[in-house]
Amino acid sequence: IFGNVTKKKLIHESVLLVENSNGDV
């Protein structure tokens, strides 16, 4: 999903961080 967004020609840079509450994921 992140890759599909960053493929778009107007997206020059991007970051995504996903975690659960206690951070073990």
PDBML (XML) file of the C-alpha atoms, coordinates in Angstrom:
<?xml version="1.0" encoding="UTF-8" ?>
<PDBx:datablock datablockName="MODEL"
   xmlns:PDBx="http://pdbml.pdb.org/schema/pdbx-v50.xsd"
   xmlns:xsi="http://www.w3.org/2001/XMLSchema-instance"
   xsi:schemaLocation="http://pdbml.pdb.org/schema/pdbx-v50.xsd pdbx-v50.xsd">
   <PDBx:atom_siteCategory>
      <PDBx:atom_site id="1">
         <PDBx:B_iso_or_equiv>0.00</PDBx:B_iso_or_equiv>
         <PDBx:Cartn_x>0.000</PDBx:Cartn_x>
         <PDBx:Cartn_y>0.000</PDBx:Cartn_y>
         <PDBx:Cartn_z>0.000</PDBx:Cartn_z>
         <PDBx:auth_asym_id>A</PDBx:auth_asym_id>
         <PDBx:auth_atom_id>CA</PDBx:auth_atom_id>
         <PDBx:auth_comp_id>ILE</PDBx:auth_comp_id>
         <PDBx:auth_seq_id>1</PDBx:auth_seq_id>
         <PDBx:group_PDB>ATOM</PDBx:group_PDB>
         <PDBx:label_alt_id xsi:nil="true" />
         <PDBx:label_asym_id>A</PDBx:label_asym_id>
         <PDBx:label_atom_id>CA</PDBx:label_atom_id>
         <PDBx:label_comp_id>ILE</PDBx:label_comp_id>
         <PDBx:label_entity_id>1</PDBx:label_entity_id>
         <PDBx:label_seq_id>1</PDBx:label_seq_id>
         <PDBx:occupancy>1.00</PDBx:occupancy>
         <PDBx:pdbx_PDB_model_num>1</PDBx:pdbx_PDB_model_num>
         <PDBx:type_symbol>C</PDBx:type_symbol>
      </PDBx:atom_site>
      <PDBx:atom_site id="2">
         <PDBx:B_iso_or_equiv>0.00</PDBx:B_iso_or_equiv>
         <PDBx:Cartn_x>2.876</PDBx:Cartn_x>
         <PDBx:Cartn_y>2.359</PDBx:Cartn_y>
         <PDBx:Cartn_z>0.901</PDBx:Cartn_z>
         <PDBx:auth_asym_id>A</PDBx:auth_asym_id>
         <PDBx:auth_atom_id>CA</PDBx:auth_atom_id>
         <PDBx:auth_comp_id>PHE</PDBx:auth_comp_id>
         <PDBx:auth_seq_id>2</PDBx:auth_seq_id>
         <PDBx:group_PDB>ATOM</PDBx:group_PDB>
         <PDBx:label_alt_id xsi:nil="true" />
         <PDBx:label_asym_id>A</PDBx:label_asym_id>
         <PDBx:label_atom_id>CA</PDBx:label_atom_id>
         <PDBx:label_comp_id>PHE</PDBx:label_comp_id>
         <PDBx:label_entity_id>1</PDBx:label_entity_id>
         <PDBx:label_seq_id>2</PDBx:label_seq_id>
         <PDBx:occupancy>1.00</PDBx:occupancy>
         <PDBx:pdbx_PDB_model_num>1</PDBx:pdbx_PDB_model_num>
         <PDBx:type_symbol>C</PDBx:type_symbol>
      </PDBx:atom_site>
      <PDBx:atom_site id="3">
         <PDBx:B_iso_or_equiv>0.00</PDBx:B_iso_or_equiv>
         <PDBx:Cartn_x>4.599</PDBx:Cartn_x>
         <PDBx:Cartn_y>1.458</PDBx:Cartn_y>
         <PDBx:Cartn_z>-2.377</PDBx:Cartn_z>
         <PDBx:auth_asym_id>A</PDBx:auth_asym_id>
         <PDBx:auth_atom_id>CA</PDBx:auth_atom_id>
         <PDBx:auth_comp_id>GLY</PDBx:auth_comp_id>
         <PDBx:auth_seq_id>3</PDBx:auth_seq_id>
         <PDBx:group_PDB>ATOM</PDBx:group_PDB>
         <PDBx:label_alt_id xsi:nil="true" />
         <PDBx:label_asym_id>A</PDBx:label_asym_id>
         <PDBx:label_atom_id>CA</PDBx:label_atom_id>
         <PDBx:label_comp_id>GLY</PDBx:label_comp_id>
         <PDBx:label_entity_id>1</PDBx:label_entity_id>
         <PDBx:label_seq_id>3</PDBx:label_seq_id>
         <PDBx:occupancy>1.00</PDBx:occupancy>
         <PDBx:pdbx_PDB_model_num>1</PDBx:pdbx_PDB_model_num>
         <PDBx:type_symbol>C</PDBx:type_symbol>
      </PDBx:atom_site>
      <PDBx:atom_site id="4">
         <PDBx:B_iso_or_equiv>0.00</PDBx:B_iso_or_equiv>
         <PDBx:Cartn_x>1.471</PDBx:Cartn_x>
         <PDBx:Cartn_y>2.250</PDBx:Cartn_y>
         <PDBx:Cartn_z>-4.389</PDBx:Cartn_z>
         <PDBx:auth_asym_id>A</PDBx:auth_asym_id>
         <PDBx:auth_atom_id>CA</PDBx:auth_atom_id>
         <PDBx:auth_comp_id>ASN</PDBx:auth_comp_id>
         <PDBx:auth_seq_id>4</PDBx:auth_seq_id>
         <PDBx:group_PDB>ATOM</PDBx:group_PDB>
         <PDBx:label_alt_id xsi:nil="true" />
         <PDBx:label_asym_id>A</PDBx:label_asym_id>
         <PDBx:label_atom_id>CA</PDBx:label_atom_id>
         <PDBx:label_comp_id>ASN</PDBx:label_comp_id>
         <PDBx:label_entity_id>1</PDBx:label_entity_id>
         <PDBx:label_seq_id>4</PDBx:label_seq_id>
         <PDBx:occupancy>1.00</PDBx:occupancy>
         <PDBx:pdbx_PDB_model_num>1</PDBx:pdbx_PDB_model_num>
         <PDBx:type_symbol>C</PDBx:type_symbol>
      </PDBx:atom_site>
      <PDBx:atom_site id="5">
         <PDBx:B_iso_or_equiv>0.00</PDBx:B_iso_or_equiv>
         <PDBx:Cartn_x>1.321</PDBx:Cartn_x>
         <PDBx:Cartn_y>5.722</PDBx:Cartn_y>
         <PDBx:Cartn_z>-2.837</PDBx:Cartn_z>
         <PDBx:auth_asym_id>A</PDBx:auth_asym_id>
         <PDBx:auth_atom_id>CA</PDBx:auth_atom_id>
         <PDBx:auth_comp_id>VAL</PDBx:auth_comp_id>
         <PDBx:auth_seq_id>5</PDBx:auth_seq_id>
         <PDBx:group_PDB>ATOM</PDBx:group_PDB>
         <PDBx:label_alt_id xsi:nil="true" />
         <PDBx:label_asym_id>A</PDBx:label_asym_id>
         <PDBx:label_atom_id>CA</PDBx:label_atom_id>
         <PDBx:label_comp_id>VAL</PDBx:label_comp_id>
         <PDBx:label_entity_id>1</PDBx:label_entity_id>
         <PDBx:label_seq_id>5</PDBx:label_seq_id>
         <PDBx:occupancy>1.00</PDBx:occupancy>
         <PDBx:pdbx_PDB_model_num>1</PDBx:pdbx_PDB_model_num>
         <PDBx:type_symbol>C</PDBx:type_symbol>
      </PDBx:atom_site>
      <PDBx:atom_site id="6">
         <PDBx:B_iso_or_equiv>0.00</PDBx:B_iso_or_equiv>
         <PDBx:Cartn_x>5.014</PDBx:Cartn_x>
         <PDBx:Cartn_y>6.501</PDBx:Cartn_y>
         <PDBx:Cartn_z>-3.332</PDBx:Cartn_z>
         <PDBx:auth_asym_id>A</PDBx:auth_asym_id>
         <PDBx:auth_atom_id>CA</PDBx:auth_atom_id>
         <PDBx:auth_comp_id>THR</PDBx:auth_comp_id>
         <PDBx:auth_seq_id>6</PDBx:auth_seq_id>
         <PDBx:group_PDB>ATOM</PDBx:group_PDB>
         <PDBx:label_alt_id xsi:nil="true" />
         <PDBx:label_asym_id>A</PDBx:label_asym_id>
         <PDBx:label_atom_id>CA</PDBx:label_atom_id>
         <PDBx:label_comp_id>THR</PDBx:label_comp_id>
         <PDBx:label_entity_id>1</PDBx:label_entity_id>
         <PDBx:label_seq_id>6</PDBx:label_seq_id>
         <PDBx:occupancy>1.00</PDBx:occupancy>
         <PDBx:pdbx_PDB_model_num>1</PDBx:pdbx_PDB_model_num>
         <PDBx:type_symbol>C</PDBx:type_symbol>
      </PDBx:atom_site>
      <PDBx:atom_site id="7">
         <PDBx:B_iso_or_equiv>0.00</PDBx:B_iso_or_equiv>
         <PDBx:Cartn_x>4.829</PDBx:Cartn_x>
         <PDBx:Cartn_y>5.384</PDBx:Cartn_y>
         <PDBx:Cartn_z>-6.989</PDBx:Cartn_z>
         <PDBx:auth_asym_id>A</PDBx:auth_asym_id>
         <PDBx:auth_atom_id>CA</PDBx:auth_atom_id>
         <PDBx:auth_comp_id>LYS</PDBx:auth_comp_id>
         <PDBx:auth_seq_id>7</PDBx:auth_seq_id>
         <PDBx:group_PDB>ATOM</PDBx:group_PDB>
         <PDBx:label_alt_id xsi:nil="true" />
         <PDBx:label_asym_id>A</PDBx:label_asym_id>
         <PDBx:label_atom_id>CA</PDBx:label_atom_id>
         <PDBx:label_comp_id>LYS</PDBx:label_comp_id>
         <PDBx:label_entity_id>1</PDBx:label_entity_id>
         <PDBx:label_seq_id>7</PDBx:label_seq_id>
         <PDBx:occupancy>1.00</PDBx:occupancy>
         <PDBx:pdbx_PDB_model_num>1</PDBx:pdbx_PDB_model_num>
         <PDBx:type_symbol>C</PDBx:type_symbol>
      </PDBx:atom_site>
      <PDBx:atom_site id="8">
         <PDBx:B_iso_or_equiv>0.00</PDBx:B_iso_or_equiv>
         <PDBx:Cartn_x>2.680</PDBx:Cartn_x>
         <PDBx:Cartn_y>8.407</PDBx:Cartn_y>
         <PDBx:Cartn_z>-7.748</PDBx:Cartn_z>
         <PDBx:auth_asym_id>A</PDBx:auth_asym_id>
         <PDBx:auth_atom_id>CA</PDBx:auth_atom_id>
         <PDBx:auth_comp_id>LYS</PDBx:auth_comp_id>
         <PDBx:auth_seq_id>8</PDBx:auth_seq_id>
         <PDBx:group_PDB>ATOM</PDBx:group_PDB>
         <PDBx:label_alt_id xsi:nil="true" />
         <PDBx:label_asym_id>A</PDBx:label_asym_id>
         <PDBx:label_atom_id>CA</PDBx:label_atom_id>
         <PDBx:label_comp_id>LYS</PDBx:label_comp_id>
         <PDBx:label_entity_id>1</PDBx:label_entity_id>
         <PDBx:label_seq_id>8</PDBx:label_seq_id>
         <PDBx:occupancy>1.00</PDBx:occupancy>
         <PDBx:pdbx_PDB_model_num>1</PDBx:pdbx_PDB_model_num>
         <PDBx:type_symbol>C</PDBx:type_symbol>
      </PDBx:atom_site>
      <PDBx:atom_site id="9">
         <PDBx:B_iso_or_equiv>0.00</PDBx:B_iso_or_equiv>
         <PDBx:Cartn_x>4.653</PDBx:Cartn_x>
         <PDBx:Cartn_y>11.040</PDBx:Cartn_y>
         <PDBx:Cartn_z>-9.616</PDBx:Cartn_z>
         <PDBx:auth_asym_id>A</PDBx:auth_asym_id>
         <PDBx:auth_atom_id>CA</PDBx:auth_atom_id>
         <PDBx:auth_comp_id>LYS</PDBx:auth_comp_id>
         <PDBx:auth_seq_id>9</PDBx:auth_seq_id>
         <PDBx:group_PDB>ATOM</PDBx:group_PDB>
         <PDBx:label_alt_id xsi:nil="true" />
         <PDBx:label_asym_id>A</PDBx:label_asym_id>
         <PDBx:label_atom_id>CA</PDBx:label_atom_id>
         <PDBx:label_comp_id>LYS</PDBx:label_comp_id>
         <PDBx:label_entity_id>1</PDBx:label_entity_id>
         <PDBx:label_seq_id>9</PDBx:label_seq_id>
         <PDBx:occupancy>1.00</PDBx:occupancy>
         <PDBx:pdbx_PDB_model_num>1</PDBx:pdbx_PDB_model_num>
         <PDBx:type_symbol>C</PDBx:type_symbol>
      </PDBx:atom_site>
      <PDBx:atom_site id="10">
         <PDBx:B_iso_or_equiv>0.00</PDBx:B_iso_or_equiv>
         <PDBx:Cartn_x>3.780</PDBx:Cartn_x>
         <PDBx:Cartn_y>13.872</PDBx:Cartn_y>
         <PDBx:Cartn_z>-7.219</PDBx:Cartn_z>
         <PDBx:auth_asym_id>A</PDBx:auth_asym_id>
         <PDBx:auth_atom_id>CA</PDBx:auth_atom_id>
         <PDBx:auth_comp_id>LEU</PDBx:auth_comp_id>
         <PDBx:auth_seq_id>10</PDBx:auth_seq_id>
         <PDBx:group_PDB>ATOM</PDBx:group_PDB>
         <PDBx:label_alt_id xsi:nil="true" />
         <PDBx:label_asym_id>A</PDBx:label_asym_id>
         <PDBx:label_atom_id>CA</PDBx:label_atom_id>
         <PDBx:label_comp_id>LEU</PDBx:label_comp_id>
         <PDBx:label_entity_id>1</PDBx:label_entity_id>
         <PDBx:label_seq_id>10</PDBx:label_seq_id>
         <PDBx:occupancy>1.00</PDBx:occupancy>
         <PDBx:pdbx_PDB_model_num>1</PDBx:pdbx_PDB_model_num>
         <PDBx:type_symbol>C</PDBx:type_symbol>
      </PDBx:atom_site>
      <PDBx:atom_site id="11">
         <PDBx:B_iso_or_equiv>0.00</PDBx:B_iso_or_equiv>
         <PDBx:Cartn_x>5.070</PDBx:Cartn_x>
         <PDBx:Cartn_y>12.010</PDBx:Cartn_y>
         <PDBx:Cartn_z>-4.138</PDBx:Cartn_z>
         <PDBx:auth_asym_id>A</PDBx:auth_asym_id>
         <PDBx:auth_atom_id>CA</PDBx:auth_atom_id>
         <PDBx:auth_comp_id>ILE</PDBx:auth_comp_id>
         <PDBx:auth_seq_id>11</PDBx:auth_seq_id>
         <PDBx:group_PDB>ATOM</PDBx:group_PDB>
         <PDBx:label_alt_id xsi:nil="true" />
         <PDBx:label_asym_id>A</PDBx:label_asym_id>
         <PDBx:label_atom_id>CA</PDBx:label_atom_id>
         <PDBx:label_comp_id>ILE</PDBx:label_comp_id>
         <PDBx:label_entity_id>1</PDBx:label_entity_id>
         <PDBx:label_seq_id>11</PDBx:label_seq_id>
         <PDBx:occupancy>1.00</PDBx:occupancy>
         <PDBx:pdbx_PDB_model_num>1</PDBx:pdbx_PDB_model_num>
         <PDBx:type_symbol>C</PDBx:type_symbol>
      </PDBx:atom_site>
      <PDBx:atom_site id="12">
         <PDBx:B_iso_or_equiv>0.00</PDBx:B_iso_or_equiv>
         <PDBx:Cartn_x>8.736</PDBx:Cartn_x>
         <PDBx:Cartn_y>12.958</PDBx:Cartn_y>
         <PDBx:Cartn_z>-3.725</PDBx:Cartn_z>
         <PDBx:auth_asym_id>A</PDBx:auth_asym_id>
         <PDBx:auth_atom_id>CA</PDBx:auth_atom_id>
         <PDBx:auth_comp_id>HIS</PDBx:auth_comp_id>
         <PDBx:auth_seq_id>12</PDBx:auth_seq_id>
         <PDBx:group_PDB>ATOM</PDBx:group_PDB>
         <PDBx:label_alt_id xsi:nil="true" />
         <PDBx:label_asym_id>A</PDBx:label_asym_id>
         <PDBx:label_atom_id>CA</PDBx:label_atom_id>
         <PDBx:label_comp_id>HIS</PDBx:label_comp_id>
         <PDBx:label_entity_id>1</PDBx:label_entity_id>
         <PDBx:label_seq_id>12</PDBx:label_seq_id>
         <PDBx:occupancy>1.00</PDBx:occupancy>
         <PDBx:pdbx_PDB_model_num>1</PDBx:pdbx_PDB_model_num>
         <PDBx:type_symbol>C</PDBx:type_symbol>
      </PDBx:atom_site>
      <PDBx:atom_site id="13">
         <PDBx:B_iso_or_equiv>0.00</PDBx:B_iso_or_equiv>
         <PDBx:Cartn_x>9.361</PDBx:Cartn_x>
         <PDBx:Cartn_y>11.634</PDBx:Cartn_y>
         <PDBx:Cartn_z>-0.216</PDBx:Cartn_z>
         <PDBx:auth_asym_id>A</PDBx:auth_asym_id>
         <PDBx:auth_atom_id>CA</PDBx:auth_atom_id>
         <PDBx:auth_comp_id>GLU</PDBx:auth_comp_id>
         <PDBx:auth_seq_id>13</PDBx:auth_seq_id>
         <PDBx:group_PDB>ATOM</PDBx:group_PDB>
         <PDBx:label_alt_id xsi:nil="true" />
         <PDBx:label_asym_id>A</PDBx:label_asym_id>
         <PDBx:label_atom_id>CA</PDBx:label_atom_id>
         <PDBx:label_comp_id>GLU</PDBx:label_comp_id>
         <PDBx:label_entity_id>1</PDBx:label_entity_id>
         <PDBx:label_seq_id>13</PDBx:label_seq_id>
         <PDBx:occupancy>1.00</PDBx:occupancy>
         <PDBx:pdbx_PDB_model_num>1</PDBx:pdbx_PDB_model_num>
         <PDBx:type_symbol>C</PDBx:type_symbol>
      </PDBx:atom_site>
      <PDBx:atom_site id="14">
         <PDBx:B_iso_or_equiv>0.00</PDBx:B_iso_or_equiv>
         <PDBx:Cartn_x>7.367</PDBx:Cartn_x>
         <PDBx:Cartn_y>9.735</PDBx:Cartn_y>
         <PDBx:Cartn_z>2.358</PDBx:Cartn_z>
         <PDBx:auth_asym_id>A</PDBx:auth_asym_id>
         <PDBx:auth_atom_id>CA</PDBx:auth_atom_id>
         <PDBx:auth_comp_id>SER</PDBx:auth_comp_id>
         <PDBx:auth_seq_id>14</PDBx:auth_seq_id>
         <PDBx:group_PDB>ATOM</PDBx:group_PDB>
         <PDBx:label_alt_id xsi:nil="true" />
         <PDBx:label_asym_id>A</PDBx:label_asym_id>
         <PDBx:label_atom_id>CA</PDBx:label_atom_id>
         <PDBx:label_comp_id>SER</PDBx:label_comp_id>
         <PDBx:label_entity_id>1</PDBx:label_entity_id>
         <PDBx:label_seq_id>14</PDBx:label_seq_id>
         <PDBx:occupancy>1.00</PDBx:occupancy>
         <PDBx:pdbx_PDB_model_num>1</PDBx:pdbx_PDB_model_num>
         <PDBx:type_symbol>C</PDBx:type_symbol>
      </PDBx:atom_site>
      <PDBx:atom_site id="15">
         <PDBx:B_iso_or_equiv>0.00</PDBx:B_iso_or_equiv>
         <PDBx:Cartn_x>7.515</PDBx:Cartn_x>
         <PDBx:Cartn_y>7.888</PDBx:Cartn_y>
         <PDBx:Cartn_z>5.672</PDBx:Cartn_z>
         <PDBx:auth_asym_id>A</PDBx:auth_asym_id>
         <PDBx:auth_atom_id>CA</PDBx:auth_atom_id>
         <PDBx:auth_comp_id>VAL</PDBx:auth_comp_id>
         <PDBx:auth_seq_id>15</PDBx:auth_seq_id>
         <PDBx:group_PDB>ATOM</PDBx:group_PDB>
         <PDBx:label_alt_id xsi:nil="true" />
         <PDBx:label_asym_id>A</PDBx:label_asym_id>
         <PDBx:label_atom_id>CA</PDBx:label_atom_id>
         <PDBx:label_comp_id>VAL</PDBx:label_comp_id>
         <PDBx:label_entity_id>1</PDBx:label_entity_id>
         <PDBx:label_seq_id>15</PDBx:label_seq_id>
         <PDBx:occupancy>1.00</PDBx:occupancy>
         <PDBx:pdbx_PDB_model_num>1</PDBx:pdbx_PDB_model_num>
         <PDBx:type_symbol>C</PDBx:type_symbol>
      </PDBx:atom_site>
      <PDBx:atom_site id="16">
         <PDBx:B_iso_or_equiv>0.00</PDBx:B_iso_or_equiv>
         <PDBx:Cartn_x>5.194</PDBx:Cartn_x>
         <PDBx:Cartn_y>5.451</PDBx:Cartn_y>
         <PDBx:Cartn_z>7.456</PDBx:Cartn_z>
         <PDBx:auth_asym_id>A</PDBx:auth_asym_id>
         <PDBx:auth_atom_id>CA</PDBx:auth_atom_id>
         <PDBx:auth_comp_id>LEU</PDBx:auth_comp_id>
         <PDBx:auth_seq_id>16</PDBx:auth_seq_id>
         <PDBx:group_PDB>ATOM</PDBx:group_PDB>
         <PDBx:label_alt_id xsi:nil="true" />
         <PDBx:label_asym_id>A</PDBx:label_asym_id>
         <PDBx:label_atom_id>CA</PDBx:label_atom_id>
         <PDBx:label_comp_id>LEU</PDBx:label_comp_id>
         <PDBx:label_entity_id>1</PDBx:label_entity_id>
         <PDBx:label_seq_id>16</PDBx:label_seq_id>
         <PDBx:occupancy>1.00</PDBx:occupancy>
         <PDBx:pdbx_PDB_model_num>1</PDBx:pdbx_PDB_model_num>
         <PDBx:type_symbol>C</PDBx:type_symbol>
      </PDBx:atom_site>
      <PDBx:atom_site id="17">
         <PDBx:B_iso_or_equiv>0.00</PDBx:B_iso_or_equiv>
         <PDBx:Cartn_x>5.437</PDBx:Cartn_x>
         <PDBx:Cartn_y>4.009</PDBx:Cartn_y>
         <PDBx:Cartn_z>10.971</PDBx:Cartn_z>
         <PDBx:auth_asym_id>A</PDBx:auth_asym_id>
         <PDBx:auth_atom_id>CA</PDBx:auth_atom_id>
         <PDBx:auth_comp_id>LEU</PDBx:auth_comp_id>
         <PDBx:auth_seq_id>17</PDBx:auth_seq_id>
         <PDBx:group_PDB>ATOM</PDBx:group_PDB>
         <PDBx:label_alt_id xsi:nil="true" />
         <PDBx:label_asym_id>A</PDBx:label_asym_id>
         <PDBx:label_atom_id>CA</PDBx:label_atom_id>
         <PDBx:label_comp_id>LEU</PDBx:label_comp_id>
         <PDBx:label_entity_id>1</PDBx:label_entity_id>
         <PDBx:label_seq_id>17</PDBx:label_seq_id>
         <PDBx:occupancy>1.00</PDBx:occupancy>
         <PDBx:pdbx_PDB_model_num>1</PDBx:pdbx_PDB_model_num>
         <PDBx:type_symbol>C</PDBx:type_symbol>
      </PDBx:atom_site>
      <PDBx:atom_site id="18">
         <PDBx:B_iso_or_equiv>0.00</PDBx:B_iso_or_equiv>
         <PDBx:Cartn_x>2.938</PDBx:Cartn_x>
         <PDBx:Cartn_y>1.401</PDBx:Cartn_y>
         <PDBx:Cartn_z>12.208</PDBx:Cartn_z>
         <PDBx:auth_asym_id>A</PDBx:auth_asym_id>
         <PDBx:auth_atom_id>CA</PDBx:auth_atom_id>
         <PDBx:auth_comp_id>VAL</PDBx:auth_comp_id>
         <PDBx:auth_seq_id>18</PDBx:auth_seq_id>
         <PDBx:group_PDB>ATOM</PDBx:group_PDB>
         <PDBx:label_alt_id xsi:nil="true" />
         <PDBx:label_asym_id>A</PDBx:label_asym_id>
         <PDBx:label_atom_id>CA</PDBx:label_atom_id>
         <PDBx:label_comp_id>VAL</PDBx:label_comp_id>
         <PDBx:label_entity_id>1</PDBx:label_entity_id>
         <PDBx:label_seq_id>18</PDBx:label_seq_id>
         <PDBx:occupancy>1.00</PDBx:occupancy>
         <PDBx:pdbx_PDB_model_num>1</PDBx:pdbx_PDB_model_num>
         <PDBx:type_symbol>C</PDBx:type_symbol>
      </PDBx:atom_site>
      <PDBx:atom_site id="19">
         <PDBx:B_iso_or_equiv>0.00</PDBx:B_iso_or_equiv>
         <PDBx:Cartn_x>2.887</PDBx:Cartn_x>
         <PDBx:Cartn_y>0.055</PDBx:Cartn_y>
         <PDBx:Cartn_z>15.786</PDBx:Cartn_z>
         <PDBx:auth_asym_id>A</PDBx:auth_asym_id>
         <PDBx:auth_atom_id>CA</PDBx:auth_atom_id>
         <PDBx:auth_comp_id>GLU</PDBx:auth_comp_id>
         <PDBx:auth_seq_id>19</PDBx:auth_seq_id>
         <PDBx:group_PDB>ATOM</PDBx:group_PDB>
         <PDBx:label_alt_id xsi:nil="true" />
         <PDBx:label_asym_id>A</PDBx:label_asym_id>
         <PDBx:label_atom_id>CA</PDBx:label_atom_id>
         <PDBx:label_comp_id>GLU</PDBx:label_comp_id>
         <PDBx:label_entity_id>1</PDBx:label_entity_id>
         <PDBx:label_seq_id>19</PDBx:label_seq_id>
         <PDBx:occupancy>1.00</PDBx:occupancy>
         <PDBx:pdbx_PDB_model_num>1</PDBx:pdbx_PDB_model_num>
         <PDBx:type_symbol>C</PDBx:type_symbol>
      </PDBx:atom_site>
      <PDBx:atom_site id="20">
         <PDBx:B_iso_or_equiv>0.00</PDBx:B_iso_or_equiv>
         <PDBx:Cartn_x>0.604</PDBx:Cartn_x>
         <PDBx:Cartn_y>-1.587</PDBx:Cartn_y>
         <PDBx:Cartn_z>18.304</PDBx:Cartn_z>
         <PDBx:auth_asym_id>A</PDBx:auth_asym_id>
         <PDBx:auth_atom_id>CA</PDBx:auth_atom_id>
         <PDBx:auth_comp_id>ASN</PDBx:auth_comp_id>
         <PDBx:auth_seq_id>20</PDBx:auth_seq_id>
         <PDBx:group_PDB>ATOM</PDBx:group_PDB>
         <PDBx:label_alt_id xsi:nil="true" />
         <PDBx:label_asym_id>A</PDBx:label_asym_id>
         <PDBx:label_atom_id>CA</PDBx:label_atom_id>
         <PDBx:label_comp_id>ASN</PDBx:label_comp_id>
         <PDBx:label_entity_id>1</PDBx:label_entity_id>
         <PDBx:label_seq_id>20</PDBx:label_seq_id>
         <PDBx:occupancy>1.00</PDBx:occupancy>
         <PDBx:pdbx_PDB_model_num>1</PDBx:pdbx_PDB_model_num>
         <PDBx:type_symbol>C</PDBx:type_symbol>
      </PDBx:atom_site>
      <PDBx:atom_site id="21">
         <PDBx:B_iso_or_equiv>0.00</PDBx:B_iso_or_equiv>
         <PDBx:Cartn_x>0.151</PDBx:Cartn_x>
         <PDBx:Cartn_y>-0.155</PDBx:Cartn_y>
         <PDBx:Cartn_z>21.829</PDBx:Cartn_z>
         <PDBx:auth_asym_id>A</PDBx:auth_asym_id>
         <PDBx:auth_atom_id>CA</PDBx:auth_atom_id>
         <PDBx:auth_comp_id>SER</PDBx:auth_comp_id>
         <PDBx:auth_seq_id>21</PDBx:auth_seq_id>
         <PDBx:group_PDB>ATOM</PDBx:group_PDB>
         <PDBx:label_alt_id xsi:nil="true" />
         <PDBx:label_asym_id>A</PDBx:label_asym_id>
         <PDBx:label_atom_id>CA</PDBx:label_atom_id>
         <PDBx:label_comp_id>SER</PDBx:label_comp_id>
         <PDBx:label_entity_id>1</PDBx:label_entity_id>
         <PDBx:label_seq_id>21</PDBx:label_seq_id>
         <PDBx:occupancy>1.00</PDBx:occupancy>
         <PDBx:pdbx_PDB_model_num>1</PDBx:pdbx_PDB_model_num>
         <PDBx:type_symbol>C</PDBx:type_symbol>
      </PDBx:atom_site>
      <PDBx:atom_site id="22">
         <PDBx:B_iso_or_equiv>0.00</PDBx:B_iso_or_equiv>
         <PDBx:Cartn_x>3.108</PDBx:Cartn_x>
         <PDBx:Cartn_y>-1.839</PDBx:Cartn_y>
         <PDBx:Cartn_z>23.520</PDBx:Cartn_z>
         <PDBx:auth_asym_id>A</PDBx:auth_asym_id>
         <PDBx:auth_atom_id>CA</PDBx:auth_atom_id>
         <PDBx:auth_comp_id>ASN</PDBx:auth_comp_id>
         <PDBx:auth_seq_id>22</PDBx:auth_seq_id>
         <PDBx:group_PDB>ATOM</PDBx:group_PDB>
         <PDBx:label_alt_id xsi:nil="true" />
         <PDBx:label_asym_id>A</PDBx:label_asym_id>
         <PDBx:label_atom_id>CA</PDBx:label_atom_id>
         <PDBx:label_comp_id>ASN</PDBx:label_comp_id>
         <PDBx:label_entity_id>1</PDBx:label_entity_id>
         <PDBx:label_seq_id>22</PDBx:label_seq_id>
         <PDBx:occupancy>1.00</PDBx:occupancy>
         <PDBx:pdbx_PDB_model_num>1</PDBx:pdbx_PDB_model_num>
         <PDBx:type_symbol>C</PDBx:type_symbol>
      </PDBx:atom_site>
      <PDBx:atom_site id="23">
         <PDBx:B_iso_or_equiv>0.00</PDBx:B_iso_or_equiv>
         <PDBx:Cartn_x>5.399</PDBx:Cartn_x>
         <PDBx:Cartn_y>-1.537</PDBx:Cartn_y>
         <PDBx:Cartn_z>20.493</PDBx:Cartn_z>
         <PDBx:auth_asym_id>A</PDBx:auth_asym_id>
         <PDBx:auth_atom_id>CA</PDBx:auth_atom_id>
         <PDBx:auth_comp_id>GLY</PDBx:auth_comp_id>
         <PDBx:auth_seq_id>23</PDBx:auth_seq_id>
         <PDBx:group_PDB>ATOM</PDBx:group_PDB>
         <PDBx:label_alt_id xsi:nil="true" />
         <PDBx:label_asym_id>A</PDBx:label_asym_id>
         <PDBx:label_atom_id>CA</PDBx:label_atom_id>
         <PDBx:label_comp_id>GLY</PDBx:label_comp_id>
         <PDBx:label_entity_id>1</PDBx:label_entity_id>
         <PDBx:label_seq_id>23</PDBx:label_seq_id>
         <PDBx:occupancy>1.00</PDBx:occupancy>
         <PDBx:pdbx_PDB_model_num>1</PDBx:pdbx_PDB_model_num>
         <PDBx:type_symbol>C</PDBx:type_symbol>
      </PDBx:atom_site>
      <PDBx:atom_site id="24">
         <PDBx:B_iso_or_equiv>0.00</PDBx:B_iso_or_equiv>
         <PDBx:Cartn_x>6.160</PDBx:Cartn_x>
         <PDBx:Cartn_y>-5.238</PDBx:Cartn_y>
         <PDBx:Cartn_z>20.079</PDBx:Cartn_z>
         <PDBx:auth_asym_id>A</PDBx:auth_asym_id>
         <PDBx:auth_atom_id>CA</PDBx:auth_atom_id>
         <PDBx:auth_comp_id>ASP</PDBx:auth_comp_id>
         <PDBx:auth_seq_id>24</PDBx:auth_seq_id>
         <PDBx:group_PDB>ATOM</PDBx:group_PDB>
         <PDBx:label_alt_id xsi:nil="true" />
         <PDBx:label_asym_id>A</PDBx:label_asym_id>
         <PDBx:label_atom_id>CA</PDBx:label_atom_id>
         <PDBx:label_comp_id>ASP</PDBx:label_comp_id>
         <PDBx:label_entity_id>1</PDBx:label_entity_id>
         <PDBx:label_seq_id>24</PDBx:label_seq_id>
         <PDBx:occupancy>1.00</PDBx:occupancy>
         <PDBx:pdbx_PDB_model_num>1</PDBx:pdbx_PDB_model_num>
         <PDBx:type_symbol>C</PDBx:type_symbol>
      </PDBx:atom_site>
      <PDBx:atom_site id="25">
         <PDBx:B_iso_or_equiv>0.00</PDBx:B_iso_or_equiv>
         <PDBx:Cartn_x>4.722</PDBx:Cartn_x>
         <PDBx:Cartn_y>-4.946</PDBx:Cartn_y>
         <PDBx:Cartn_z>16.572</PDBx:Cartn_z>
         <PDBx:auth_asym_id>A</PDBx:auth_asym_id>
         <PDBx:auth_atom_id>CA</PDBx:auth_atom_id>
         <PDBx:auth_comp_id>VAL</PDBx:auth_comp_id>
         <PDBx:auth_seq_id>25</PDBx:auth_seq_id>
         <PDBx:group_PDB>ATOM</PDBx:group_PDB>
         <PDBx:label_alt_id xsi:nil="true" />
         <PDBx:label_asym_id>A</PDBx:label_asym_id>
         <PDBx:label_atom_id>CA</PDBx:label_atom_id>
         <PDBx:label_comp_id>VAL</PDBx:label_comp_id>
         <PDBx:label_entity_id>1</PDBx:label_entity_id>
         <PDBx:label_seq_id>25</PDBx:label_seq_id>
         <PDBx:occupancy>1.00</PDBx:occupancy>
         <PDBx:pdbx_PDB_model_num>1</PDBx:pdbx_PDB_model_num>
         <PDBx:type_symbol>C</PDBx:type_symbol>
      </PDBx:atom_site>
   </PDBx:atom_siteCategory>
</PDBx:datablock>
